[in-house]
């Protein structure tokens, strides 16, 4: 995800710093946007560069934000109505100023006369900002985009310093072929020998069922899996719903089971006391048979860890249309899981690909074992530079950043923990 090269170079960075110093040393403040815009336009005409949201790595981005933080007070947008292309409002001047400072708005021309007009160039700049912050990419200035634009450079600096550490720790693990699931990004990447061969959306654990940061291995693929409901989900989610609605289990295609494998017996739910689940000597549990509507979908990526967390398909693909996708009980739901399965088999043992296709045409449970298990790294990056050089930020959905930053600050004086 982050480029380790220096192709963009520090020379461009120092040009950016020169631009910042020019318009901030001219007594420019958030209440004087025309002066700031004029200064940036003048800087652009002189050919010495304007801010750019692209960087070679987080270290270069941190240098940029350090300079940004040392200059004028960060301009802030007030609350207000939705603003979009062709609207006119005083807030649009501040929006243009922010996007220019951050490097998303770079099309400076003499034609910029009405600074309160929401032109097409500003709409495209806002879309880029939304994209690299994981927001809905619609070019509309709404509450979410306002909040993201108002985050001061000092807060972003802390985010960058923490994620520099996270990325450096990850580099030692990111070797050969592996999968990275970046939790706050809601995205999975399959990487082979340094090349990203597949990117997919994911759904991760919600706030009360967080997906942990850890490493495991995918050893096999299970087509048409059944679902043995874990005790924690059974007690927290299913038993209360069952007690409130006796028909809940049948509507969710869940059975009460006892025994394992060929010895599994399905019991009439009407003859089972909910309080006996997962408790009695017979050990009764909830079980869902394989099929099109199975909670795990059509494919489960088999791995073992102390967390009982794994990747799987889903029977509710519509949830991938949401921008924020911390919705699961901890496991990772994968969009287009069949694509991931095909890529893994193609890279490992392509002669097994026909088995994948033929099995998915049925509802029979079958396994394909990989010759070489594939490491899966669950990461928690809230800032990184992508393969196109764009600096990305994401929301701290589990509130880990402040705590982790304070721990690093206590041991290494990494920086002041202000979030």
Protein backbone atom coordinates (compact mmCIF):
# COMPACT_ATOMS: atom_id res chain seq x y z
CA UNK A 1 0.00 0.00 0.00
CA UNK A 2 2.80 2.42 0.76
CA UNK A 3 5.52 3.09 -1.75
CA UNK A 4 9.00 2.82 -0.34
CA UNK A 5 10.59 4.79 -3.18
CA UNK A 6 11.48 8.42 -3.38
CA UNK A 7 10.49 9.03 -6.97
CA UNK A 8 8.57 12.15 -6.04
CA UNK A 9 11.57 13.37 -4.13
CA UNK A 10 12.09 15.94 -1.43
CA UNK A 11 12.66 18.68 -4.02
CA UNK A 12 8.93 18.76 -4.72
CA UNK A 13 8.29 18.83 -0.97
CA UNK A 14 10.45 21.89 -0.46
CA UNK A 15 8.62 23.63 -3.32
CA UNK A 16 5.41 22.92 -1.44
CA UNK A 17 6.90 24.32 1.76
CA UNK A 18 7.95 27.45 -0.11
CA UNK A 19 4.38 27.92 -1.29
CA UNK A 20 3.08 27.51 2.24
CA UNK A 21 5.57 29.99 3.62
CA UNK A 22 4.66 32.52 0.94
CA UNK A 23 0.97 32.75 1.64
CA UNK A 24 1.24 32.27 5.41
CA UNK A 25 3.98 34.87 5.87
CA UNK A 26 1.78 37.49 4.22
CA UNK A 27 -0.46 37.88 7.27
CA UNK A 28 -2.99 35.50 5.74
CA UNK A 29 -5.64 34.00 8.03
CA UNK A 30 -8.86 32.06 7.69
CA UNK A 31 -10.77 35.34 7.52
CA UNK A 32 -8.73 36.55 4.54
CA UNK A 33 -9.30 33.82 1.91
CA UNK A 34 -8.97 36.12 -1.13
CA UNK A 35 -5.43 37.06 -0.06
CA UNK A 36 -4.54 33.41 0.37
CA UNK A 37 -5.97 32.45 -2.99
CA UNK A 38 -4.12 35.30 -4.68
CA UNK A 39 -0.88 34.27 -3.04
CA UNK A 40 -1.30 30.67 -4.18
CA UNK A 41 -2.18 31.79 -7.68
CA UNK A 42 0.93 33.97 -7.77
CA UNK A 43 3.03 31.07 -6.50
CA UNK A 44 1.62 28.80 -9.21
CA UNK A 45 2.37 31.35 -11.93
CA UNK A 46 5.96 31.59 -10.74
CA UNK A 47 6.30 27.85 -11.32
CA UNK A 48 7.52 27.05 -7.80
CA UNK A 49 4.75 24.57 -7.06
CA UNK A 50 1.58 24.33 -5.00
CA UNK A 51 0.60 21.73 -2.36
CA UNK A 52 -0.01 18.18 -3.59
CA UNK A 53 -1.81 15.31 -1.85
CA UNK A 54 0.66 12.78 -3.32
CA UNK A 55 3.74 11.55 -1.45
CA UNK A 56 6.34 8.82 -1.68
CA UNK A 57 5.81 7.63 1.90
CA UNK A 58 4.47 8.65 5.30
CA UNK A 59 7.75 10.26 6.27
CA UNK A 60 7.45 12.74 3.42
CA UNK A 61 3.79 13.35 4.29
CA UNK A 62 4.79 14.07 7.90
CA UNK A 63 7.27 16.71 6.77
CA UNK A 64 4.51 18.37 4.77
CA UNK A 65 2.09 18.37 7.73
CA UNK A 66 4.78 19.66 10.08
CA UNK A 67 5.20 22.68 7.83
CA UNK A 68 1.41 23.04 7.48
CA UNK A 69 1.02 22.91 11.26
CA UNK A 70 3.60 25.66 11.79
CA UNK A 71 1.77 28.14 9.63
CA UNK A 72 -1.50 30.05 9.92
CA UNK A 73 -4.47 28.92 11.98
CA UNK A 74 -6.33 26.12 10.20
CA UNK A 75 -9.44 27.48 8.43
CA UNK A 76 -12.67 25.88 9.59
CA UNK A 77 -15.99 25.33 7.92
CA UNK A 78 -19.11 26.13 9.90
CA UNK A 79 -22.16 23.90 9.90
CA UNK A 80 -24.62 24.52 7.11
CA UNK A 81 -26.69 23.12 4.29
CA UNK A 82 -25.44 20.73 1.64
CA UNK A 83 -23.33 22.45 -1.00
CA UNK A 84 -22.56 21.06 -4.46
CA UNK A 85 -21.43 22.10 -7.93
CA UNK A 86 -23.01 25.35 -9.23
CA UNK A 87 -23.96 26.51 -5.71
CA UNK A 88 -22.74 29.86 -4.40
CA UNK A 89 -21.96 30.43 -0.71
CA UNK A 90 -19.40 32.19 1.48
CA UNK A 91 -18.38 28.78 2.87
CA UNK A 92 -17.15 27.76 -0.57
CA UNK A 93 -14.23 30.17 -0.21
CA UNK A 94 -13.11 28.33 2.93
CA UNK A 95 -13.65 24.95 1.24
CA UNK A 96 -11.44 26.00 -1.68
CA UNK A 97 -8.81 27.26 0.76
CA UNK A 98 -8.73 23.98 2.70
CA UNK A 99 -8.54 21.79 -0.39
CA UNK A 100 -5.79 23.98 -1.81
CA UNK A 101 -3.73 23.72 1.39
CA UNK A 102 -4.16 19.95 1.45
CA UNK A 103 -3.15 19.56 -2.18
CA UNK A 104 -6.47 18.33 -3.58
CA UNK A 105 -7.32 21.55 -5.44
CA UNK A 106 -4.45 22.34 -7.81
CA UNK A 107 -6.03 23.79 -10.95
CA UNK A 108 -5.15 27.44 -10.39
CA UNK A 109 -5.90 29.76 -13.32
CA UNK A 110 -6.56 33.43 -13.88
CA UNK A 111 -10.19 32.49 -14.55
CA UNK A 112 -10.79 32.11 -10.81
CA UNK A 113 -12.88 35.23 -10.24
CA UNK A 114 -15.91 34.24 -8.16
CA UNK A 115 -14.38 32.53 -5.12
CA UNK A 116 -17.83 31.79 -3.65
CA UNK A 117 -18.86 29.75 -6.70
CA UNK A 118 -18.72 25.92 -6.54
CA UNK A 119 -17.12 25.14 -9.90
CA UNK A 120 -16.37 21.78 -11.53
CA UNK A 121 -12.70 21.87 -10.54
CA UNK A 122 -13.66 22.33 -6.89
CA UNK A 123 -16.13 19.43 -7.15
CA UNK A 124 -13.41 17.14 -8.53
CA UNK A 125 -11.01 18.25 -5.79
CA UNK A 126 -13.62 17.47 -3.11
CA UNK A 127 -14.20 14.03 -4.67
CA UNK A 128 -10.47 13.27 -4.43
CA UNK A 129 -10.46 14.40 -0.80
CA UNK A 130 -13.49 12.20 -0.06
CA UNK A 131 -11.89 9.22 -1.81
CA UNK A 132 -8.67 9.38 0.17
CA UNK A 133 -10.56 9.79 3.44
CA UNK A 134 -12.92 6.85 2.86
CA UNK A 135 -16.02 9.04 2.65
CA UNK A 136 -18.82 8.80 0.10
CA UNK A 137 -17.40 10.14 -3.17
CA UNK A 138 -20.18 12.44 -4.39
CA UNK A 139 -18.61 15.90 -4.55
CA UNK A 140 -21.18 17.19 -2.05
CA UNK A 141 -20.08 19.17 1.00
CA UNK A 142 -22.12 17.61 3.80
CA UNK A 143 -21.61 17.01 7.56
CA UNK A 144 -19.12 14.15 7.12
CA UNK A 145 -16.92 16.01 4.64
CA UNK A 146 -17.07 19.17 6.77
CA UNK A 147 -15.88 17.24 9.82
CA UNK A 148 -13.00 15.66 7.91
CA UNK A 149 -11.92 18.96 6.38
CA UNK A 150 -11.91 20.60 9.82
CA UNK A 151 -9.43 18.10 11.32
CA UNK A 152 -6.37 20.26 12.13
CA UNK A 153 -2.87 19.40 10.88
CA UNK A 154 -1.72 18.78 14.47
CA UNK A 155 -4.12 15.84 14.77
CA UNK A 156 -3.07 14.46 11.41
CA UNK A 157 0.58 14.68 12.50
CA UNK A 158 -0.09 12.37 15.44
CA UNK A 159 -1.93 10.00 13.15
CA UNK A 160 0.98 9.99 10.71
CA UNK A 161 3.63 9.38 13.37
CA UNK A 162 1.69 6.44 14.83
CA UNK A 163 1.09 4.87 11.43
CA UNK A 164 4.73 5.27 10.43
CA UNK A 165 5.44 2.90 13.31
CA UNK A 166 2.67 0.52 12.30
CA UNK A 167 3.81 0.41 8.68
CA UNK A 168 7.46 -0.15 9.66
CA UNK A 169 6.43 -3.08 11.87
CA UNK A 170 4.38 -4.55 9.03
CA UNK A 171 7.21 -4.44 6.51
CA UNK A 172 9.02 -7.26 8.29
CA UNK A 173 5.94 -9.47 7.78
CA UNK A 174 4.99 -8.41 4.25
CA UNK A 175 7.03 -10.94 2.33
CA UNK A 176 6.24 -13.18 -0.64
CA UNK A 177 2.53 -13.91 -0.95
CA UNK A 178 0.10 -12.64 1.66
CA UNK A 179 -3.27 -11.06 2.33
CA UNK A 180 -3.64 -7.79 4.19
CA UNK A 181 -6.97 -6.87 5.72
CA UNK A 182 -6.80 -3.23 6.79
CA UNK A 183 -9.60 -2.99 9.33
CA UNK A 184 -10.42 0.78 9.30
CA UNK A 185 -10.25 0.84 5.50
CA UNK A 186 -12.75 -2.04 5.10
CA UNK A 187 -10.54 -3.47 2.37
CA UNK A 188 -8.50 -6.59 1.60
CA UNK A 189 -5.45 -6.86 -0.63
CA UNK A 190 -3.88 -10.01 -2.04
CA UNK A 191 -0.20 -9.32 -2.67
CA UNK A 192 2.20 -11.61 -4.53
CA UNK A 193 5.91 -10.78 -4.62
CA UNK A 194 5.22 -7.11 -4.08
CA UNK A 195 2.41 -6.80 -6.63
CA UNK A 196 -1.16 -6.20 -5.52
CA UNK A 197 -3.10 -8.69 -7.63
CA UNK A 198 -6.55 -8.24 -6.07
CA UNK A 199 -8.39 -5.68 -3.93
CA UNK A 200 -11.79 -6.36 -2.38
CA UNK A 201 -14.19 -4.66 0.01
CA UNK A 202 -14.61 -6.20 3.44
CA UNK A 203 -16.99 -6.06 6.39
CA UNK A 204 -15.27 -6.13 9.80
CA UNK A 205 -16.34 -6.39 13.42
CA UNK A 206 -18.57 -3.76 14.93
CA UNK A 207 -17.50 -1.70 17.94
CA UNK A 208 -18.64 -4.27 20.53
CA UNK A 209 -17.21 -7.22 18.50
CA UNK A 210 -13.96 -5.75 17.25
CA UNK A 211 -11.84 -7.60 14.70
CA UNK A 212 -8.45 -8.03 16.42
CA UNK A 213 -5.04 -7.17 14.96
CA UNK A 214 -3.22 -10.46 14.43
CA UNK A 215 -1.70 -12.79 11.82
CA UNK A 216 -2.99 -16.19 10.75
CA UNK A 217 -2.75 -18.48 7.69
CA UNK A 218 -5.31 -19.65 5.15
CA UNK A 219 -4.72 -23.39 4.85
CA UNK A 220 -7.80 -24.44 2.90
CA UNK A 221 -10.97 -23.29 1.21
CA UNK A 222 -14.31 -24.77 2.27
CA UNK A 223 -17.01 -24.61 -0.40
CA UNK A 224 -20.64 -24.64 0.75
CA UNK A 225 -19.71 -24.48 4.43
CA UNK A 226 -22.07 -25.10 7.30
CA UNK A 227 -21.97 -22.70 10.24
CA UNK A 228 -21.40 -23.87 13.78
CA UNK A 229 -22.45 -20.83 15.77
CA UNK A 230 -19.86 -19.86 18.41
CA UNK A 231 -21.01 -19.81 22.02
CA UNK A 232 -20.49 -16.05 22.30
CA UNK A 233 -22.76 -15.29 19.34
CA UNK A 234 -25.26 -17.89 20.50
CA UNK A 235 -25.65 -16.34 23.93
CA UNK A 236 -25.38 -12.67 22.97
CA UNK A 237 -27.44 -12.65 19.79
CA UNK A 238 -29.43 -15.79 19.06
CA UNK A 239 -30.80 -16.93 22.42
CA UNK A 240 -32.33 -13.51 23.30
CA UNK A 241 -33.95 -13.34 19.84
CA UNK A 242 -35.20 -16.92 20.14
CA UNK A 243 -36.71 -16.26 23.56
CA UNK A 244 -38.50 -13.21 22.19
CA UNK A 245 -39.70 -15.01 19.06
CA UNK A 246 -40.16 -18.83 19.05
CA UNK A 247 -40.07 -18.80 15.20
CA UNK A 248 -36.72 -16.99 15.06
CA UNK A 249 -34.61 -20.12 14.50
CA UNK A 250 -36.70 -21.40 11.62
CA UNK A 251 -36.71 -18.00 9.93
CA UNK A 252 -32.91 -17.85 10.16
CA UNK A 253 -32.47 -21.48 8.99
CA UNK A 254 -30.84 -22.34 12.32
CA UNK A 255 -31.11 -25.72 14.01
CA UNK A 256 -30.33 -26.99 17.48
CA UNK A 257 -27.63 -29.63 17.07
CA UNK A 258 -25.93 -32.18 19.27
CA UNK A 259 -22.85 -34.23 18.37
CA UNK A 260 -20.33 -33.66 15.59
CA UNK A 261 -19.72 -34.72 12.02
CA UNK A 262 -21.57 -37.88 11.04
CA UNK A 263 -22.83 -38.14 14.62
CA UNK A 264 -24.60 -34.79 14.50
CA UNK A 265 -28.28 -34.95 15.45
CA UNK A 266 -30.75 -32.10 14.88
CA UNK A 267 -33.21 -31.63 17.73
CA UNK A 268 -36.70 -30.05 17.64
CA UNK A 269 -36.20 -26.54 19.02
CA UNK A 270 -39.58 -26.72 20.75
CA UNK A 271 -38.20 -29.49 22.99
CA UNK A 272 -35.02 -27.60 23.98
CA UNK A 273 -34.71 -25.09 26.79
CA UNK A 274 -32.71 -22.04 25.64
CA UNK A 275 -30.80 -22.03 28.93
CA UNK A 276 -29.45 -25.51 28.19
CA UNK A 277 -27.61 -24.35 25.07
CA UNK A 278 -23.82 -24.63 25.24
CA UNK A 279 -24.13 -25.73 28.88
CA UNK A 280 -25.37 -29.28 29.28
CA UNK A 281 -23.30 -32.45 29.16
CA UNK A 282 -24.80 -33.16 25.73
CA UNK A 283 -23.50 -29.77 24.54
CA UNK A 284 -26.22 -28.48 22.30
CA UNK A 285 -25.36 -25.69 19.90
CA UNK A 286 -26.81 -23.76 16.99
CA UNK A 287 -25.98 -25.00 13.51
CA UNK A 288 -26.81 -23.76 10.01
CA UNK A 289 -26.80 -26.17 7.08
CA UNK A 290 -24.92 -25.39 3.83
CA UNK A 291 -26.81 -23.61 1.09
CA UNK A 292 -27.41 -20.39 -0.80
CA UNK A 293 -28.65 -18.49 2.26
CA UNK A 294 -25.98 -19.69 4.68
CA UNK A 295 -24.56 -16.90 6.85
CA UNK A 296 -21.01 -17.75 5.71
CA UNK A 297 -22.05 -17.66 2.06
CA UNK A 298 -20.58 -20.16 -0.39
CA UNK A 299 -16.91 -20.07 0.66
CA UNK A 300 -15.06 -20.10 3.96
CA UNK A 301 -11.30 -19.50 4.09
CA UNK A 302 -10.12 -21.97 6.70
CA UNK A 303 -7.59 -20.73 9.23
CA UNK A 304 -6.91 -21.35 12.90
CA UNK A 305 -6.21 -18.82 15.60
CA UNK A 306 -7.07 -18.24 19.23
CA UNK A 307 -9.62 -15.65 18.13
CA UNK A 308 -11.75 -17.97 15.95
CA UNK A 309 -11.71 -15.17 13.36
CA UNK A 310 -11.61 -16.02 9.65
CA UNK A 311 -12.53 -14.74 6.18
CA UNK A 312 -15.76 -15.85 4.52
CA UNK A 313 -18.37 -15.04 1.91
CA UNK A 314 -21.74 -13.58 2.92
CA UNK A 315 -25.42 -14.05 2.20
CA UNK A 316 -25.99 -10.26 2.45
CA UNK A 317 -23.83 -8.71 -0.33
CA UNK A 318 -25.86 -5.50 -0.31
CA UNK A 319 -24.02 -4.37 2.82
CA UNK A 320 -20.88 -3.80 0.73
CA UNK A 321 -22.61 -0.76 -0.77
CA UNK A 322 -22.21 1.07 2.53
CA UNK A 323 -19.23 3.38 3.03
CA UNK A 324 -18.73 2.34 6.65
CA UNK A 325 -18.77 -1.41 7.11
CA UNK A 326 -17.98 -2.33 10.73
CA UNK A 327 -21.02 -4.59 10.94
CA UNK A 328 -19.94 -8.17 11.73
CA UNK A 329 -19.42 -10.14 14.92
CA UNK A 330 -15.65 -10.11 14.38
CA UNK A 331 -15.05 -12.27 11.31
CA UNK A 332 -14.22 -10.69 7.96
CA UNK A 333 -16.85 -10.90 5.25
CA UNK A 334 -15.31 -10.65 1.79
CA UNK A 335 -16.91 -9.13 -1.29
CA UNK A 336 -16.61 -11.41 -4.35
CA UNK A 337 -15.19 -14.23 -2.25
CA UNK A 338 -15.15 -16.51 -5.30
CA UNK A 339 -12.67 -14.14 -6.99
CA UNK A 340 -10.38 -14.38 -3.97
CA UNK A 341 -10.68 -18.17 -3.99
CA UNK A 342 -9.84 -18.34 -7.70
CA UNK A 343 -6.78 -16.13 -7.28
CA UNK A 344 -5.48 -18.14 -4.32
CA UNK A 345 -5.87 -21.44 -6.15
CA UNK A 346 -4.44 -20.05 -9.40
CA UNK A 347 -1.33 -18.86 -7.58
CA UNK A 348 -0.96 -22.04 -5.51
CA UNK A 349 -2.26 -25.04 -7.46
CA UNK A 350 -4.15 -24.11 -10.65
CA UNK A 351 -5.00 -27.73 -11.40
CA UNK A 352 -7.56 -27.52 -8.56
CA UNK A 353 -9.55 -24.68 -10.17
CA UNK A 354 -12.06 -27.03 -11.88
CA UNK A 355 -12.96 -28.47 -8.49
CA UNK A 356 -13.86 -25.01 -7.22
CA UNK A 357 -16.23 -24.33 -10.09
CA UNK A 358 -17.90 -27.74 -10.11
CA UNK A 359 -18.45 -27.77 -6.33
CA UNK A 360 -20.01 -24.32 -6.30
CA UNK A 361 -22.60 -25.60 -8.78
CA UNK A 362 -23.87 -27.87 -6.00
CA UNK A 363 -24.58 -27.51 -2.28
CA UNK A 364 -22.16 -30.25 -1.32
CA UNK A 365 -19.51 -29.30 1.23
CA UNK A 366 -15.98 -29.81 -0.08
CA UNK A 367 -12.47 -28.60 0.75
CA UNK A 368 -9.50 -27.54 -1.32
CA UNK A 369 -6.21 -27.52 0.59
CA UNK A 370 -3.49 -25.11 -0.44
CA UNK A 371 0.01 -26.48 -0.89
CA UNK A 372 1.44 -23.36 0.68
CA UNK A 373 -0.65 -21.67 3.38
CA UNK A 374 -1.13 -17.95 2.75
CA UNK A 375 -0.43 -15.53 5.63
CA UNK A 376 -3.26 -13.15 6.49
CA UNK A 377 -2.32 -9.96 8.33
CA UNK A 378 -5.06 -7.97 10.07
CA UNK A 379 -3.75 -4.42 10.29
CA UNK A 380 -5.09 -1.21 11.77
CA UNK A 381 -3.76 1.58 9.58
CA UNK A 382 -5.56 4.91 9.80
CA UNK A 383 -3.01 6.63 7.52
CA UNK A 384 -0.96 5.34 4.59
CA UNK A 385 0.28 6.22 1.11
CA UNK A 386 -1.32 4.06 -1.59
CA UNK A 387 0.22 2.70 -4.78
CA UNK A 388 -0.72 5.88 -6.65
CA UNK A 389 1.06 8.04 -4.08
CA UNK A 390 -2.18 9.40 -2.57
CA UNK A 391 -2.11 10.05 1.16
CA UNK A 392 -5.07 8.25 2.77
CA UNK A 393 -6.67 8.75 6.18
CA UNK A 394 -9.42 6.71 7.82
CA UNK A 395 -11.61 7.08 10.89
CA UNK A 396 -10.32 5.49 14.08
CA UNK A 397 -13.36 3.21 14.32
CA UNK A 398 -12.17 1.30 17.40
CA UNK A 399 -10.56 4.29 19.17
CA UNK A 400 -7.14 2.62 19.13
CA UNK A 401 -5.06 5.54 17.90
CA UNK A 402 -5.03 7.65 21.05
CA UNK A 403 -4.18 4.73 23.32
CA UNK A 404 -1.45 3.33 21.05
CA UNK A 405 0.04 6.76 20.48
CA UNK A 406 0.20 7.40 24.23
CA UNK A 407 2.00 4.09 24.73
CA UNK A 408 4.59 4.94 22.08
CA UNK A 409 4.95 8.45 23.47
CA UNK A 410 5.58 7.08 26.95
CA UNK A 411 8.38 4.80 25.75
CA UNK A 412 9.96 6.71 22.87
CA UNK A 413 8.83 10.37 23.05
CA UNK A 414 7.27 9.87 19.63
CA UNK A 415 5.23 13.02 19.95
CA UNK A 416 2.57 14.69 21.99
CA UNK A 417 -0.54 12.46 22.14
CA UNK A 418 -3.23 14.90 21.08
CA UNK A 419 -6.24 13.39 19.33
